[in-house]
Each structure stands twice: as structure tokens, then as C-alpha cells.
Amino acid sequence: MTAKEQLLQELSSVPDNLILETLNFVRFLKTKERFSEGDVPRTNLTVAAELMRDFYAEGSELTEFSDRSQDDFYEYENYA
């Protein structure tokens, strides 16, 4: 069995939150490899936003700790 087949077999029993994390990690590794080879692609804002979409998806690490309060913002003026 190839490493790719083993990985696919393992992924079949992984919960969705770990699948998303794994996907983000694989994308990170691919980007890291491209940059280490000296291939620094220039991209436009639309492409960059699409690349970052998963990081801001509901339930992702970046949104997990966001403020879930329904209070108006002005009530936070003395927070700091």
C-alpha cells in the first residue's frame, strides 16, 4: 500500500474538524515548498482571498475564539 493510500485510509476515520486542519496543513506544506524553490508567485487580491477562505470558515481556528456576545459595541468602551 502506498503512502497516499495509507493517508486516504486514515482520513476516512478522522472527524471533520481534523480533516479541515489536515487540509490547511497540506496547503501550507505545498506553499512552503513552492517558496523554498524560489517560485514566489504574484497573485491578485481575489486569488489571495480564495486561498484564505478556509481559515475564516465557521468553526475554524480564526473564528473559534471570536466574540460571540450580542451586546452593542459601545458597551465595551471601558473594557481595556
PDB file of N, CA and C in Angstrom:
ATOM      1  N   MET A   1       0.859  -1.176   0.000  1.00  0.00           N
ATOM      2  CA  MET A   1       0.000   0.000   0.000  1.00  0.00           C
ATOM      3  C   MET A   1       0.903   1.236   0.000  1.00  0.00           C
ATOM      4  N   THR A   2       0.595   2.187  -0.879  1.00  0.00           N
ATOM      5  CA  THR A   2       1.395   3.403  -0.966  1.00  0.00           C
ATOM      6  C   THR A   2       1.079   4.335   0.205  1.00  0.00           C
ATOM      7  N   ALA A   3       1.956   5.299   0.408  1.00  0.00           N
ATOM      8  CA  ALA A   3       1.741   6.281   1.480  1.00  0.00           C
ATOM      9  C   ALA A   3       0.455   7.070   1.230  1.00  0.00           C
ATOM     10  N   LYS A   4       0.180   7.372  -0.027  1.00  0.00           N
ATOM     11  CA  LYS A   4      -1.033   8.120  -0.359  1.00  0.00           C
ATOM     12  C   LYS A   4      -2.277   7.303  -0.005  1.00  0.00           C
ATOM     13  N   GLU A   5      -2.256   6.015  -0.310  1.00  0.00           N
ATOM     14  CA  GLU A   5      -3.379   5.149   0.026  1.00  0.00           C
ATOM     15  C   GLU A   5      -3.545   5.020   1.537  1.00  0.00           C
ATOM     16  N   GLN A   6      -2.430   4.949   2.258  1.00  0.00           N
ATOM     17  CA  GLN A   6      -2.496   4.879   3.717  1.00  0.00           C
ATOM     18  C   GLN A   6      -3.097   6.153   4.296  1.00  0.00           C
ATOM     19  N   LEU A   7      -2.679   7.285   3.751  1.00  0.00           N
ATOM     20  CA  LEU A   7      -3.214   8.565   4.208  1.00  0.00           C
ATOM     21  C   LEU A   7      -4.719   8.647   3.961  1.00  0.00           C
ATOM     22  N   LEU A   8      -5.154   8.256   2.778  1.00  0.00           N
ATOM     23  CA  LEU A   8      -6.581   8.279   2.462  1.00  0.00           C
ATOM     24  C   LEU A   8      -7.368   7.344   3.377  1.00  0.00           C
ATOM     25  N   GLN A   9      -6.804   6.207   3.704  1.00  0.00           N
ATOM     26  CA  GLN A   9      -7.463   5.275   4.609  1.00  0.00           C
ATOM     27  C   GLN A   9      -7.601   5.880   6.006  1.00  0.00           C
ATOM     28  N   GLU A  10      -6.545   6.526   6.489  1.00  0.00           N
ATOM     29  CA  GLU A  10      -6.598   7.180   7.805  1.00  0.00           C
ATOM     30  C   GLU A  10      -7.616   8.310   7.815  1.00  0.00           C
ATOM     31  N   LEU A  11      -7.674   9.076   6.736  1.00  0.00           N
ATOM     32  CA  LEU A  11      -8.597  10.211   6.673  1.00  0.00           C
ATOM     33  C   LEU A  11     -10.054   9.773   6.721  1.00  0.00           C
ATOM     34  N   SER A  12     -10.332   8.556   6.300  1.00  0.00           N
ATOM     35  CA  SER A  12     -11.721   8.088   6.298  1.00  0.00           C
ATOM     36  C   SER A  12     -12.290   7.944   7.709  1.00  0.00           C
ATOM     37  N   SER A  13     -11.411   7.873   8.718  1.00  0.00           N
ATOM     38  CA  SER A  13     -11.907   7.709  10.094  1.00  0.00           C
ATOM     39  C   SER A  13     -11.625   8.927  10.981  1.00  0.00           C
ATOM     40  N   VAL A  14     -11.301  10.047  10.357  1.00  0.00           N
ATOM     41  CA  VAL A  14     -10.960  11.261  11.103  1.00  0.00           C
ATOM     42  C   VAL A  14     -12.170  12.194  11.144  1.00  0.00           C
ATOM     43  N   PRO A  15     -12.450  12.831  12.302  1.00  0.00           N
ATOM     44  CA  PRO A  15     -13.580  13.775  12.376  1.00  0.00           C
ATOM     45  C   PRO A  15     -13.348  15.005  11.488  1.00  0.00           C
ATOM     46  N   ASP A  16     -14.439  15.655  11.120  1.00  0.00           N
ATOM     47  CA  ASP A  16     -14.389  16.781  10.185  1.00  0.00           C
ATOM     48  C   ASP A  16     -13.454  17.900  10.632  1.00  0.00           C
ATOM     49  N   ASN A  17     -13.418  18.195  11.928  1.00  0.00           N
ATOM     50  CA  ASN A  17     -12.557  19.296  12.373  1.00  0.00           C
ATOM     51  C   ASN A  17     -11.082  18.974  12.118  1.00  0.00           C
ATOM     52  N   LEU A  18     -10.702  17.717  12.228  1.00  0.00           N
ATOM     53  CA  LEU A  18      -9.317  17.340  11.940  1.00  0.00           C
ATOM     54  C   LEU A  18      -9.055  17.270  10.434  1.00  0.00           C
ATOM     55  N   ILE A  19     -10.084  16.966   9.669  1.00  0.00           N
ATOM     56  CA  ILE A  19      -9.943  16.982   8.204  1.00  0.00           C
ATOM     57  C   ILE A  19      -9.603  18.390   7.743  1.00  0.00           C
ATOM     58  N   LEU A  20     -10.321  19.390   8.269  1.00  0.00           N
ATOM     59  CA  LEU A  20     -10.065  20.786   7.899  1.00  0.00           C
ATOM     60  C   LEU A  20      -8.653  21.192   8.296  1.00  0.00           C
ATOM     61  N   GLU A  21      -8.231  20.809   9.485  1.00  0.00           N
ATOM     62  CA  GLU A  21      -6.886  21.133   9.940  1.00  0.00           C
ATOM     63  C   GLU A  21      -5.835  20.457   9.063  1.00  0.00           C
ATOM     64  N   THR A  22      -6.088  19.228   8.688  1.00  0.00           N
ATOM     65  CA  THR A  22      -5.168  18.492   7.814  1.00  0.00           C
ATOM     66  C   THR A  22      -5.092  19.149   6.442  1.00  0.00           C
ATOM     67  N   LEU A  23      -6.230  19.541   5.910  1.00  0.00           N
ATOM     68  CA  LEU A  23      -6.267  20.223   4.621  1.00  0.00           C
ATOM     69  C   LEU A  23      -5.462  21.511   4.663  1.00  0.00           C
ATOM     70  N   ASN A  24      -5.641  22.292   5.707  1.00  0.00           N
ATOM     71  CA  ASN A  24      -4.887  23.536   5.842  1.00  0.00           C
ATOM     72  C   ASN A  24      -3.392  23.261   5.944  1.00  0.00           C
ATOM     73  N   PHE A  25      -3.018  22.201   6.655  1.00  0.00           N
ATOM     74  CA  PHE A  25      -1.612  21.858   6.802  1.00  0.00           C
ATOM     75  C   PHE A  25      -1.007  21.433   5.467  1.00  0.00           C
ATOM     76  N   VAL A  26      -1.739  20.639   4.694  1.00  0.00           N
ATOM     77  CA  VAL A  26      -1.248  20.214   3.379  1.00  0.00           C
ATOM     78  C   VAL A  26      -1.067  21.424   2.470  1.00  0.00           C
ATOM     79  N   ARG A  27      -2.020  22.335   2.502  1.00  0.00           N
ATOM     80  CA  ARG A  27      -1.883  23.562   1.697  1.00  0.00           C
ATOM     81  C   ARG A  27      -0.666  24.371   2.143  1.00  0.00           C
ATOM     82  N   PHE A  28      -0.443  24.441   3.453  1.00  0.00           N
ATOM     83  CA  PHE A  28       0.730  25.140   3.976  1.00  0.00           C
ATOM     84  C   PHE A  28       2.014  24.495   3.450  1.00  0.00           C
ATOM     85  N   LEU A  29       2.090  23.162   3.488  1.00  0.00           N
ATOM     86  CA  LEU A  29       3.279  22.460   3.022  1.00  0.00           C
ATOM     87  C   LEU A  29       3.528  22.699   1.532  1.00  0.00           C
ATOM     88  N   LYS A  30       2.464  22.710   0.740  1.00  0.00           N
ATOM     89  CA  LYS A  30       2.609  22.957  -0.687  1.00  0.00           C
ATOM     90  C   LYS A  30       3.117  24.373  -0.945  1.00  0.00           C
ATOM     91  N   THR A  31       2.580  25.335  -0.211  1.00  0.00           N
ATOM     92  CA  THR A  31       3.026  26.725  -0.360  1.00  0.00           C
ATOM     93  C   THR A  31       4.474  26.872   0.078  1.00  0.00           C
ATOM     94  N   LYS A  32       4.820  26.255   1.191  1.00  0.00           N
ATOM     95  CA  LYS A  32       6.188  26.303   1.705  1.00  0.00           C
ATOM     96  C   LYS A  32       7.168  25.728   0.685  1.00  0.00           C
ATOM     97  N   GLU A  33       6.798  24.642   0.054  1.00  0.00           N
ATOM     98  CA  GLU A  33       7.659  24.010  -0.936  1.00  0.00           C
ATOM     99  C   GLU A  33       7.867  24.920  -2.135  1.00  0.00           C
ATOM    100  N   ARG A  34       6.791  25.552  -2.601  1.00  0.00           N
ATOM    101  CA  ARG A  34       6.920  26.471  -3.750  1.00  0.00           C
ATOM    102  C   ARG A  34       7.847  27.624  -3.429  1.00  0.00           C
ATOM    103  N   PHE A  35       7.715  28.184  -2.218  1.00  0.00           N
ATOM    104  CA  PHE A  35       8.540  29.330  -1.857  1.00  0.00           C
ATOM    105  C   PHE A  35       9.993  28.920  -1.648  1.00  0.00           C
ATOM    106  N   SER A  36      10.237  27.729  -1.148  1.00  0.00           N
ATOM    107  CA  SER A  36      11.608  27.288  -0.925  1.00  0.00           C
ATOM    108  C   SER A  36      12.320  27.027  -2.241  1.00  0.00           C
ATOM    109  N   GLU A  37      11.575  26.752  -3.292  1.00  0.00           N
ATOM    110  CA  GLU A  37      12.158  26.531  -4.604  1.00  0.00           C
ATOM    111  C   GLU A  37      12.411  27.842  -5.339  1.00  0.00           C
ATOM    112  N   GLY A  38      12.096  28.955  -4.716  1.00  0.00           N
ATOM    113  CA  GLY A  38      12.313  30.251  -5.340  1.00  0.00           C
ATOM    114  C   GLY A  38      11.165  30.715  -6.213  1.00  0.00           C
ATOM    115  N   ASP A  39      10.137  29.942  -6.300  1.00  0.00           N
ATOM    116  CA  ASP A  39       8.975  30.308  -7.088  1.00  0.00           C
ATOM    117  C   ASP A  39       8.040  31.140  -6.230  1.00  0.00           C
ATOM    118  N   VAL A  40       8.195  32.444  -6.270  1.00  0.00           N
ATOM    119  CA  VAL A  40       7.368  33.339  -5.466  1.00  0.00           C
ATOM    120  C   VAL A  40       6.288  33.915  -6.377  1.00  0.00           C
ATOM    121  N   PRO A  41       5.124  33.290  -6.349  1.00  0.00           N
ATOM    122  CA  PRO A  41       4.073  33.749  -7.269  1.00  0.00           C
ATOM    123  C   PRO A  41       3.469  35.073  -6.825  1.00  0.00           C
ATOM    124  N   ARG A  42       3.161  35.880  -7.794  1.00  0.00           N
ATOM    125  CA  ARG A  42       2.422  37.104  -7.518  1.00  0.00           C
ATOM    126  C   ARG A  42       0.967  36.781  -7.764  1.00  0.00           C
ATOM    127  N   THR A  43       0.132  37.219  -6.882  1.00  0.00           N
ATOM    128  CA  THR A  43      -1.278  36.887  -7.000  1.00  0.00           C
ATOM    129  C   THR A  43      -2.118  38.135  -6.778  1.00  0.00           C
ATOM    130  N   ASN A  44      -3.312  38.109  -7.278  1.00  0.00           N
ATOM    131  CA  ASN A  44      -4.181  39.259  -7.063  1.00  0.00           C
ATOM    132  C   ASN A  44      -5.011  39.046  -5.803  1.00  0.00           C
ATOM    133  N   LEU A  45      -5.692  40.048  -5.396  1.00  0.00           N
ATOM    134  CA  LEU A  45      -6.445  40.012  -4.144  1.00  0.00           C
ATOM    135  C   LEU A  45      -7.555  38.958  -4.158  1.00  0.00           C
ATOM    136  N   THR A  46      -8.188  38.768  -5.288  1.00  0.00           N
ATOM    137  CA  THR A  46      -9.264  37.774  -5.383  1.00  0.00           C
ATOM    138  C   THR A  46      -8.721  36.370  -5.136  1.00  0.00           C
ATOM    139  N   VAL A  47      -7.596  36.045  -5.745  1.00  0.00           N
ATOM    140  CA  VAL A  47      -6.986  34.732  -5.567  1.00  0.00           C
ATOM    141  C   VAL A  47      -6.532  34.558  -4.122  1.00  0.00           C
ATOM    142  N   ALA A  48      -5.934  35.597  -3.554  1.00  0.00           N
ATOM    143  CA  ALA A  48      -5.479  35.533  -2.162  1.00  0.00           C
ATOM    144  C   ALA A  48      -6.658  35.303  -1.213  1.00  0.00           C
ATOM    145  N   ALA A  49      -7.769  35.974  -1.468  1.00  0.00           N
ATOM    146  CA  ALA A  49      -8.957  35.802  -0.625  1.00  0.00           C
ATOM    147  C   ALA A  49      -9.483  34.372  -0.714  1.00  0.00           C
ATOM    148  N   GLU A  50      -9.471  33.796  -1.904  1.00  0.00           N
ATOM    149  CA  GLU A  50      -9.917  32.412  -2.065  1.00  0.00           C
ATOM    150  C   GLU A  50      -8.998  31.454  -1.315  1.00  0.00           C
ATOM    151  N   LEU A  51      -7.703  31.723  -1.339  1.00  0.00           N
ATOM    152  CA  LEU A  51      -6.749  30.869  -0.624  1.00  0.00           C
ATOM    153  C   LEU A  51      -6.972  30.930   0.883  1.00  0.00           C
ATOM    154  N   MET A  52      -7.427  32.057   1.382  1.00  0.00           N
ATOM    155  CA  MET A  52      -7.608  32.253   2.821  1.00  0.00           C
ATOM    156  C   MET A  52      -9.016  31.891   3.307  1.00  0.00           C
ATOM    157  N   ARG A  53      -9.932  31.596   2.402  1.00  0.00           N
ATOM    158  CA  ARG A  53     -11.336  31.365   2.749  1.00  0.00           C
ATOM    159  C   ARG A  53     -11.499  30.331   3.866  1.00  0.00           C
ATOM    160  N   ASP A  54     -10.797  29.204   3.795  1.00  0.00           N
ATOM    161  CA  ASP A  54     -10.945  28.140   4.796  1.00  0.00           C
ATOM    162  C   ASP A  54     -10.520  28.585   6.195  1.00  0.00           C
ATOM    163  N   PHE A  55      -9.566  29.504   6.256  1.00  0.00           N
ATOM    164  CA  PHE A  55      -9.106  29.964   7.561  1.00  0.00           C
ATOM    165  C   PHE A  55     -10.185  30.765   8.297  1.00  0.00           C
ATOM    166  N   TYR A  56     -11.113  31.342   7.550  1.00  0.00           N
ATOM    167  CA  TYR A  56     -12.172  32.158   8.148  1.00  0.00           C
ATOM    168  C   TYR A  56     -13.530  31.471   8.147  1.00  0.00           C
ATOM    169  N   ALA A  57     -13.558  30.205   7.791  1.00  0.00           N
ATOM    170  CA  ALA A  57     -14.807  29.452   7.781  1.00  0.00           C
ATOM    171  C   ALA A  57     -15.315  29.275   9.203  1.00  0.00           C
ATOM    172  N   GLU A  58     -16.615  29.145   9.335  1.00  0.00           N
ATOM    173  CA  GLU A  58     -17.204  28.952  10.659  1.00  0.00           C
ATOM    174  C   GLU A  58     -16.626  27.700  11.299  1.00  0.00           C
ATOM    175  N   GLY A  59     -16.168  27.848  12.545  1.00  0.00           N
ATOM    176  CA  GLY A  59     -15.588  26.725  13.267  1.00  0.00           C
ATOM    177  C   GLY A  59     -14.089  26.579  13.088  1.00  0.00           C
ATOM    178  N   SER A  60     -13.477  27.407  12.240  1.00  0.00           N
ATOM    179  CA  SER A  60     -12.033  27.318  12.061  1.00  0.00           C
ATOM    180  C   SER A  60     -11.331  27.985  13.244  1.00  0.00           C
ATOM    181  N   GLU A  61     -10.020  27.810  13.312  1.00  0.00           N
ATOM    182  CA  GLU A  61      -9.261  28.361  14.436  1.00  0.00           C
ATOM    183  C   GLU A  61      -9.408  29.869  14.558  1.00  0.00           C
ATOM    184  N   LEU A  62      -9.455  30.571  13.439  1.00  0.00           N
ATOM    185  CA  LEU A  62      -9.525  32.031  13.495  1.00  0.00           C
ATOM    186  C   LEU A  62     -10.874  32.537  13.989  1.00  0.00           C
ATOM    187  N   THR A  63     -11.918  31.755  13.782  1.00  0.00           N
ATOM    188  CA  THR A  63     -13.236  32.205  14.225  1.00  0.00           C
ATOM    189  C   THR A  63     -13.668  31.557  15.530  1.00  0.00           C
ATOM    190  N   GLU A  64     -12.939  30.549  15.966  1.00  0.00           N
ATOM    191  CA  GLU A  64     -13.330  29.803  17.155  1.00  0.00           C
ATOM    192  C   GLU A  64     -13.388  30.675  18.408  1.00  0.00           C
ATOM    193  N   PHE A  65     -12.472  31.626  18.538  1.00  0.00           N
ATOM    194  CA  PHE A  65     -12.385  32.435  19.745  1.00  0.00           C
ATOM    195  C   PHE A  65     -12.946  33.839  19.561  1.00  0.00           C
ATOM    196  N   SER A  66     -13.733  34.038  18.524  1.00  0.00           N
ATOM    197  CA  SER A  66     -14.284  35.368  18.294  1.00  0.00           C
ATOM    198  C   SER A  66     -15.337  35.693  19.356  1.00  0.00           C
ATOM    199  N   ASP A  67     -15.612  36.959  19.509  1.00  0.00           N
ATOM    200  CA  ASP A  67     -16.585  37.412  20.488  1.00  0.00           C
ATOM    201  C   ASP A  67     -17.981  37.021  20.026  1.00  0.00           C
ATOM    202  N   ARG A  68     -18.656  36.231  20.800  1.00  0.00           N
ATOM    203  CA  ARG A  68     -19.997  35.779  20.432  1.00  0.00           C
ATOM    204  C   ARG A  68     -21.082  36.606  21.133  1.00  0.00           C
ATOM    205  N   SER A  69     -20.669  37.662  21.809  1.00  0.00           N
ATOM    206  CA  SER A  69     -21.619  38.497  22.536  1.00  0.00           C
ATOM    207  C   SER A  69     -22.530  39.233  21.564  1.00  0.00           C
ATOM    208  N   GLN A  70     -23.774  39.358  21.936  1.00  0.00           N
ATOM    209  CA  GLN A  70     -24.744  40.075  21.116  1.00  0.00           C
ATOM    210  C   GLN A  70     -24.890  41.533  21.566  1.00  0.00           C
ATOM    211  N   ASP A  71     -24.116  41.936  22.592  1.00  0.00           N
ATOM    212  CA  ASP A  71     -24.202  43.300  23.092  1.00  0.00           C
ATOM    213  C   ASP A  71     -23.658  44.287  22.063  1.00  0.00           C
ATOM    214  N   ASP A  72     -24.143  45.518  22.142  1.00  0.00           N
ATOM    215  CA  ASP A  72     -23.642  46.561  21.259  1.00  0.00           C
ATOM    216  C   ASP A  72     -22.192  46.877  21.596  1.00  0.00           C
ATOM    217  N   PHE A  73     -21.455  47.297  20.610  1.00  0.00           N
ATOM    218  CA  PHE A  73     -20.025  47.557  20.774  1.00  0.00           C
ATOM    219  C   PHE A  73     -19.737  48.673  21.773  1.00  0.00           C
ATOM    220  N   TYR A  74     -20.591  49.678  21.822  1.00  0.00           N
ATOM    221  CA  TYR A  74     -20.319  50.821  22.705  1.00  0.00           C
ATOM    222  C   TYR A  74     -20.211  50.403  24.168  1.00  0.00           C
ATOM    223  N   GLU A  75     -20.771  49.271  24.529  1.00  0.00           N
ATOM    224  CA  GLU A  75     -20.692  48.818  25.911  1.00  0.00           C
ATOM    225  C   GLU A  75     -19.294  48.330  26.283  1.00  0.00           C
ATOM    226  N   TYR A  76     -18.403  48.208  25.320  1.00  0.00           N
ATOM    227  CA  TYR A  76     -17.045  47.742  25.567  1.00  0.00           C
ATOM    228  C   TYR A  76     -16.060  48.889  25.753  1.00  0.00           C
ATOM    229  N   GLU A  77     -16.502  50.127  25.739  1.00  0.00           N
ATOM    230  CA  GLU A  77     -15.587  51.260  25.764  1.00  0.00           C
ATOM    231  C   GLU A  77     -14.669  51.274  26.983  1.00  0.00           C
ATOM    232  N   ASN A  78     -15.088  50.747  28.117  1.00  0.00           N
ATOM    233  CA  ASN A  78     -14.250  50.741  29.309  1.00  0.00           C
ATOM    234  C   ASN A  78     -13.612  49.375  29.563  1.00  0.00           C
ATOM    235  N   TYR A  79     -13.611  48.553  28.546  1.00  0.00           N
ATOM    236  CA  TYR A  79     -13.121  47.192  28.697  1.00  0.00           C
ATOM    237  C   TYR A  79     -11.630  47.144  29.003  1.00  0.00           C
ATOM    238  N   ALA A  80     -10.845  47.937  28.297  1.00  0.00           N
ATOM    239  CA  ALA A  80      -9.385  47.930  28.490  1.00  0.00           C
ATOM    240  C   ALA A  80      -9.111  48.690  29.723  1.00  0.00           C
TER     241      ALA A  80
END
